[in-house]
């Protein structure tokens, strides 16, 4: 078993909105301490609203913690983008937050019936991470590479706004 998944890296059990849950192993090692960028693409629709308290308070923080390992906050950037802005009906942008908690606390819902995450929005996020257009951290040392995580949170399958066909839009995303 890899060292990063061994029982010795398990964290203590903690109480949370999800009840007493034992935190899982860290997924990423902190060796090298490259900067980390997390981009959370979140469908802010009425379909997801009922799940939001548990996602916000328990599951998303735990996922980011496990992916991030024990990286210091000054080497971690949090970006959040919703499927549709609560105020601007022409789309949404990628915003940076000082912490995951701050970003999730400021997250708002848009209850329009056609508010879903599109494959185009996901593709744009992949490109932003790939081409480092949202990467703002620079580390001095032997490597300036960053670790990038894309987390997609949806309650309905992503689709294109222009066509709602039976074609599965997940097949269009790069692997």
C-alpha atoms as a PDB file:
ATOM      1  CA  UNK A   1       0.000   0.000   0.000  1.00  0.00           C
ATOM      2  CA  UNK A   2       1.430   3.448  -0.875  1.00  0.00           C
ATOM      3  CA  UNK A   3       2.634   5.491   2.080  1.00  0.00           C
ATOM      4  CA  UNK A   4       0.106   8.243   1.409  1.00  0.00           C
ATOM      5  CA  UNK A   5      -2.768   5.754   1.782  1.00  0.00           C
ATOM      6  CA  UNK A   6      -1.477   3.881   4.809  1.00  0.00           C
ATOM      7  CA  UNK A   7      -3.332   3.918   8.084  1.00  0.00           C
ATOM      8  CA  UNK A   8      -0.634   6.153   9.637  1.00  0.00           C
ATOM      9  CA  UNK A   9      -1.799   9.114   7.553  1.00  0.00           C
ATOM     10  CA  UNK A  10      -5.371   8.867   8.846  1.00  0.00           C
ATOM     11  CA  UNK A  11      -6.637  11.929  10.699  1.00  0.00           C
ATOM     12  CA  UNK A  12      -8.659  11.889  13.880  1.00  0.00           C
ATOM     13  CA  UNK A  13     -12.364  11.533  13.826  1.00  0.00           C
ATOM     14  CA  UNK A  14     -14.238  14.822  14.009  1.00  0.00           C
ATOM     15  CA  UNK A  15     -17.782  16.037  14.485  1.00  0.00           C
ATOM     16  CA  UNK A  16     -19.268  17.936  11.570  1.00  0.00           C
ATOM     17  CA  UNK A  17     -22.581  18.725   9.942  1.00  0.00           C
ATOM     18  CA  UNK A  18     -22.447  15.189   8.541  1.00  0.00           C
ATOM     19  CA  UNK A  19     -22.088  13.591  11.973  1.00  0.00           C
ATOM     20  CA  UNK A  20     -19.061  11.859  13.406  1.00  0.00           C
ATOM     21  CA  UNK A  21     -17.012  10.860  10.413  1.00  0.00           C
ATOM     22  CA  UNK A  22     -13.494   9.545  10.302  1.00  0.00           C
ATOM     23  CA  UNK A  23     -11.473  11.602   7.847  1.00  0.00           C
ATOM     24  CA  UNK A  24      -9.991   9.509   5.074  1.00  0.00           C
ATOM     25  CA  UNK A  25      -6.367   9.373   4.067  1.00  0.00           C
ATOM     26  CA  UNK A  26      -4.682  12.283   2.369  1.00  0.00           C
ATOM     27  CA  UNK A  27      -4.794  11.681  -1.354  1.00  0.00           C
ATOM     28  CA  UNK A  28      -1.913  13.968  -2.276  1.00  0.00           C
ATOM     29  CA  UNK A  29       1.457  13.956  -0.586  1.00  0.00           C
ATOM     30  CA  UNK A  30       2.960  17.245   0.549  1.00  0.00           C
ATOM     31  CA  UNK A  31       6.359  16.290  -0.872  1.00  0.00           C
ATOM     32  CA  UNK A  32       7.752  19.129  -2.933  1.00  0.00           C
ATOM     33  CA  UNK A  33       5.050  21.584  -1.821  1.00  0.00           C
ATOM     34  CA  UNK A  34       4.130  22.855  -5.269  1.00  0.00           C
ATOM     35  CA  UNK A  35       1.376  25.453  -5.357  1.00  0.00           C
ATOM     36  CA  UNK A  36      -2.126  24.004  -5.586  1.00  0.00           C
ATOM     37  CA  UNK A  37      -5.084  25.463  -7.423  1.00  0.00           C
ATOM     38  CA  UNK A  38      -8.610  24.208  -6.775  1.00  0.00           C
ATOM     39  CA  UNK A  39     -11.357  25.182  -9.197  1.00  0.00           C
ATOM     40  CA  UNK A  40     -14.840  24.209  -8.059  1.00  0.00           C
ATOM     41  CA  UNK A  41     -17.475  24.320 -10.801  1.00  0.00           C
ATOM     42  CA  UNK A  42     -20.806  24.275  -8.972  1.00  0.00           C
ATOM     43  CA  UNK A  43     -24.312  24.064 -10.407  1.00  0.00           C
ATOM     44  CA  UNK A  44     -26.137  26.690  -8.372  1.00  0.00           C
ATOM     45  CA  UNK A  45     -29.613  25.489  -9.358  1.00  0.00           C
ATOM     46  CA  UNK A  46     -32.693  24.652  -7.327  1.00  0.00           C
ATOM     47  CA  UNK A  47     -31.925  20.954  -7.965  1.00  0.00           C
ATOM     48  CA  UNK A  48     -28.709  21.257  -5.939  1.00  0.00           C
ATOM     49  CA  UNK A  49     -30.028  23.651  -3.261  1.00  0.00           C
ATOM     50  CA  UNK A  50     -31.396  20.877  -1.037  1.00  0.00           C
ATOM     51  CA  UNK A  51     -28.000  19.162  -0.936  1.00  0.00           C
ATOM     52  CA  UNK A  52     -26.042  22.387  -0.400  1.00  0.00           C
ATOM     53  CA  UNK A  53     -25.801  22.456   3.427  1.00  0.00           C
ATOM     54  CA  UNK A  54     -24.107  19.029   3.548  1.00  0.00           C
ATOM     55  CA  UNK A  55     -21.941  19.768   0.513  1.00  0.00           C
ATOM     56  CA  UNK A  56     -20.844  23.162   1.904  1.00  0.00           C
ATOM     57  CA  UNK A  57     -20.319  22.107   5.508  1.00  0.00           C
ATOM     58  CA  UNK A  58     -18.970  18.590   5.166  1.00  0.00           C
ATOM     59  CA  UNK A  59     -18.242  16.973   1.818  1.00  0.00           C
ATOM     60  CA  UNK A  60     -16.492  19.733  -0.141  1.00  0.00           C
ATOM     61  CA  UNK A  61     -14.195  20.817   2.726  1.00  0.00           C
ATOM     62  CA  UNK A  62     -13.263  17.195   3.377  1.00  0.00           C
ATOM     63  CA  UNK A  63     -12.570  16.546  -0.323  1.00  0.00           C
ATOM     64  CA  UNK A  64     -10.373  19.633  -0.666  1.00  0.00           C
ATOM     65  CA  UNK A  65      -8.569  18.757   2.562  1.00  0.00           C
ATOM     66  CA  UNK A  66      -7.858  15.213   1.372  1.00  0.00           C
ATOM     67  CA  UNK A  67      -6.724  16.336  -2.074  1.00  0.00           C
ATOM     68  CA  UNK A  68      -4.632  19.146  -0.646  1.00  0.00           C
ATOM     69  CA  UNK A  69      -2.775  17.119   1.922  1.00  0.00           C
ATOM     70  CA  UNK A  70      -1.027  19.315   4.438  1.00  0.00           C
ATOM     71  CA  UNK A  71      -0.166  22.158   2.072  1.00  0.00           C
ATOM     72  CA  UNK A  72       0.098  25.530   3.761  1.00  0.00           C
ATOM     73  CA  UNK A  73      -2.679  27.996   2.895  1.00  0.00           C
ATOM     74  CA  UNK A  74      -0.191  30.393   1.283  1.00  0.00           C
ATOM     75  CA  UNK A  75       0.469  27.736  -1.389  1.00  0.00           C
ATOM     76  CA  UNK A  76      -3.208  27.006  -2.050  1.00  0.00           C
ATOM     77  CA  UNK A  77      -5.564  29.018  -4.275  1.00  0.00           C
ATOM     78  CA  UNK A  78      -9.328  28.487  -4.267  1.00  0.00           C
ATOM     79  CA  UNK A  79     -11.415  29.424  -7.315  1.00  0.00           C
ATOM     80  CA  UNK A  80     -15.178  28.960  -7.622  1.00  0.00           C
ATOM     81  CA  UNK A  81     -17.473  29.305 -10.600  1.00  0.00           C
ATOM     82  CA  UNK A  82     -21.201  28.647 -10.645  1.00  0.00           C
ATOM     83  CA  UNK A  83     -23.361  27.491 -13.538  1.00  0.00           C
ATOM     84  CA  UNK A  84     -25.101  30.874 -13.674  1.00  0.00           C
ATOM     85  CA  UNK A  85     -24.580  33.978 -11.607  1.00  0.00           C
ATOM     86  CA  UNK A  86     -27.342  34.852  -9.191  1.00  0.00           C
ATOM     87  CA  UNK A  87     -27.282  38.439 -10.506  1.00  0.00           C
ATOM     88  CA  UNK A  88     -25.907  38.350 -14.064  1.00  0.00           C
ATOM     89  CA  UNK A  89     -27.943  36.125 -16.353  1.00  0.00           C
ATOM     90  CA  UNK A  90     -25.272  36.140 -19.079  1.00  0.00           C
ATOM     91  CA  UNK A  91     -23.059  33.580 -17.389  1.00  0.00           C
ATOM     92  CA  UNK A  92     -20.566  33.491 -14.587  1.00  0.00           C
ATOM     93  CA  UNK A  93     -16.896  34.008 -14.081  1.00  0.00           C
ATOM     94  CA  UNK A  94     -14.178  32.305 -12.139  1.00  0.00           C
ATOM     95  CA  UNK A  95     -13.546  34.073  -8.841  1.00  0.00           C
ATOM     96  CA  UNK A  96     -10.707  33.606  -6.394  1.00  0.00           C
ATOM     97  CA  UNK A  97     -11.304  33.401  -2.645  1.00  0.00           C
ATOM     98  CA  UNK A  98      -8.957  33.609   0.320  1.00  0.00           C
ATOM     99  CA  UNK A  99     -10.210  30.244   1.581  1.00  0.00           C
ATOM    100  CA  UNK A 100     -12.656  27.507   0.655  1.00  0.00           C
ATOM    101  CA  UNK A 101     -14.817  28.462   3.622  1.00  0.00           C
ATOM    102  CA  UNK A 102     -15.084  32.076   2.387  1.00  0.00           C
ATOM    103  CA  UNK A 103     -15.945  30.999  -1.144  1.00  0.00           C
ATOM    104  CA  UNK A 104     -18.611  28.525  -0.072  1.00  0.00           C
ATOM    105  CA  UNK A 105     -20.087  31.030   2.388  1.00  0.00           C
ATOM    106  CA  UNK A 106     -20.510  33.632  -0.391  1.00  0.00           C
ATOM    107  CA  UNK A 107     -21.990  31.136  -2.866  1.00  0.00           C
ATOM    108  CA  UNK A 108     -25.531  32.005  -4.000  1.00  0.00           C
ATOM    109  CA  UNK A 109     -28.198  30.155  -5.947  1.00  0.00           C
ATOM    110  CA  UNK A 110     -29.979  31.106  -9.172  1.00  0.00           C
ATOM    111  CA  UNK A 111     -33.369  29.409  -9.371  1.00  0.00           C
ATOM    112  CA  UNK A 112     -33.967  29.801 -13.127  1.00  0.00           C
ATOM    113  CA  UNK A 113     -35.437  26.575 -14.513  1.00  0.00           C
ATOM    114  CA  UNK A 114     -32.772  26.226 -17.211  1.00  0.00           C
ATOM    115  CA  UNK A 115     -29.823  26.805 -14.865  1.00  0.00           C
ATOM    116  CA  UNK A 116     -27.479  23.857 -15.380  1.00  0.00           C
ATOM    117  CA  UNK A 117     -23.763  23.531 -15.897  1.00  0.00           C
ATOM    118  CA  UNK A 118     -22.830  23.218 -19.562  1.00  0.00           C
ATOM    119  CA  UNK A 119     -20.036  21.197 -21.092  1.00  0.00           C
ATOM    120  CA  UNK A 120     -18.733  24.453 -22.575  1.00  0.00           C
ATOM    121  CA  UNK A 121     -18.334  25.891 -19.068  1.00  0.00           C
ATOM    122  CA  UNK A 122     -16.503  22.748 -17.952  1.00  0.00           C
ATOM    123  CA  UNK A 123     -14.279  22.862 -21.052  1.00  0.00           C
ATOM    124  CA  UNK A 124     -13.467  26.515 -20.320  1.00  0.00           C
ATOM    125  CA  UNK A 125     -12.498  25.567 -16.756  1.00  0.00           C
ATOM    126  CA  UNK A 126     -10.261  22.738 -17.991  1.00  0.00           C
ATOM    127  CA  UNK A 127      -8.557  25.179 -20.370  1.00  0.00           C
ATOM    128  CA  UNK A 128      -8.161  27.777 -17.614  1.00  0.00           C
ATOM    129  CA  UNK A 129      -6.432  25.203 -15.420  1.00  0.00           C
ATOM    130  CA  UNK A 130      -4.403  23.714 -18.276  1.00  0.00           C
ATOM    131  CA  UNK A 131      -3.092  26.990 -19.612  1.00  0.00           C
ATOM    132  CA  UNK A 132      -2.688  28.478 -16.127  1.00  0.00           C
ATOM    133  CA  UNK A 133      -4.865  31.482 -16.865  1.00  0.00           C
ATOM    134  CA  UNK A 134      -6.143  31.363 -13.299  1.00  0.00           C
ATOM    135  CA  UNK A 135      -2.874  30.356 -11.668  1.00  0.00           C
ATOM    136  CA  UNK A 136      -1.561  33.259  -9.634  1.00  0.00           C
ATOM    137  CA  UNK A 137       0.959  31.572  -7.360  1.00  0.00           C
ATOM    138  CA  UNK A 138       4.647  31.538  -8.232  1.00  0.00           C
ATOM    139  CA  UNK A 139       7.062  29.461  -6.207  1.00  0.00           C
ATOM    140  CA  UNK A 140      10.796  29.968  -6.261  1.00  0.00           C
ATOM    141  CA  UNK A 141      12.782  26.793  -6.372  1.00  0.00           C
ATOM    142  CA  UNK A 142      13.561  23.930  -8.718  1.00  0.00           C
ATOM    143  CA  UNK A 143      10.004  23.625 -10.027  1.00  0.00           C
ATOM    144  CA  UNK A 144       7.334  26.230 -10.773  1.00  0.00           C
ATOM    145  CA  UNK A 145       4.720  23.621 -11.635  1.00  0.00           C
ATOM    146  CA  UNK A 146       1.452  23.684  -9.770  1.00  0.00           C
ATOM    147  CA  UNK A 147      -0.987  20.943  -8.867  1.00  0.00           C
ATOM    148  CA  UNK A 148      -4.422  21.675 -10.292  1.00  0.00           C
ATOM    149  CA  UNK A 149      -7.731  20.188  -9.203  1.00  0.00           C
ATOM    150  CA  UNK A 150     -11.069  20.568 -10.981  1.00  0.00           C
ATOM    151  CA  UNK A 151     -14.076  19.617  -8.851  1.00  0.00           C
ATOM    152  CA  UNK A 152     -17.445  19.533 -10.640  1.00  0.00           C
ATOM    153  CA  UNK A 153     -20.542  19.584  -8.413  1.00  0.00           C
ATOM    154  CA  UNK A 154     -23.852  19.032 -10.226  1.00  0.00           C
ATOM    155  CA  UNK A 155     -27.330  17.729  -9.504  1.00  0.00           C
ATOM    156  CA  UNK A 156     -28.273  17.383 -13.187  1.00  0.00           C
ATOM    157  CA  UNK A 157     -26.205  16.074 -16.094  1.00  0.00           C
ATOM    158  CA  UNK A 158     -24.236  18.810 -17.875  1.00  0.00           C
ATOM    159  CA  UNK A 159     -25.509  19.673 -21.330  1.00  0.00           C
ATOM    160  CA  UNK A 160     -25.095  22.304 -23.984  1.00  0.00           C
ATOM    161  CA  UNK A 161     -27.477  25.238 -23.751  1.00  0.00           C
ATOM    162  CA  UNK A 162     -28.052  25.214 -27.517  1.00  0.00           C
ATOM    163  CA  UNK A 163     -29.051  21.574 -27.848  1.00  0.00           C
ATOM    164  CA  UNK A 164     -30.663  19.276 -25.321  1.00  0.00           C
ATOM    165  CA  UNK A 165     -30.167  16.028 -27.163  1.00  0.00           C
ATOM    166  CA  UNK A 166     -29.717  12.475 -25.949  1.00  0.00           C
ATOM    167  CA  UNK A 167     -25.984  12.745 -26.683  1.00  0.00           C
ATOM    168  CA  UNK A 168     -23.955  12.355 -23.473  1.00  0.00           C
ATOM    169  CA  UNK A 169     -21.948  15.611 -23.120  1.00  0.00           C
ATOM    170  CA  UNK A 170     -19.391  13.973 -20.807  1.00  0.00           C
ATOM    171  CA  UNK A 171     -17.976  12.207 -23.880  1.00  0.00           C
ATOM    172  CA  UNK A 172     -16.948  15.599 -25.296  1.00  0.00           C
ATOM    173  CA  UNK A 173     -14.632  16.447 -22.409  1.00  0.00           C
ATOM    174  CA  UNK A 174     -10.891  15.760 -22.750  1.00  0.00           C
ATOM    175  CA  UNK A 175      -9.487  12.861 -20.766  1.00  0.00           C
END
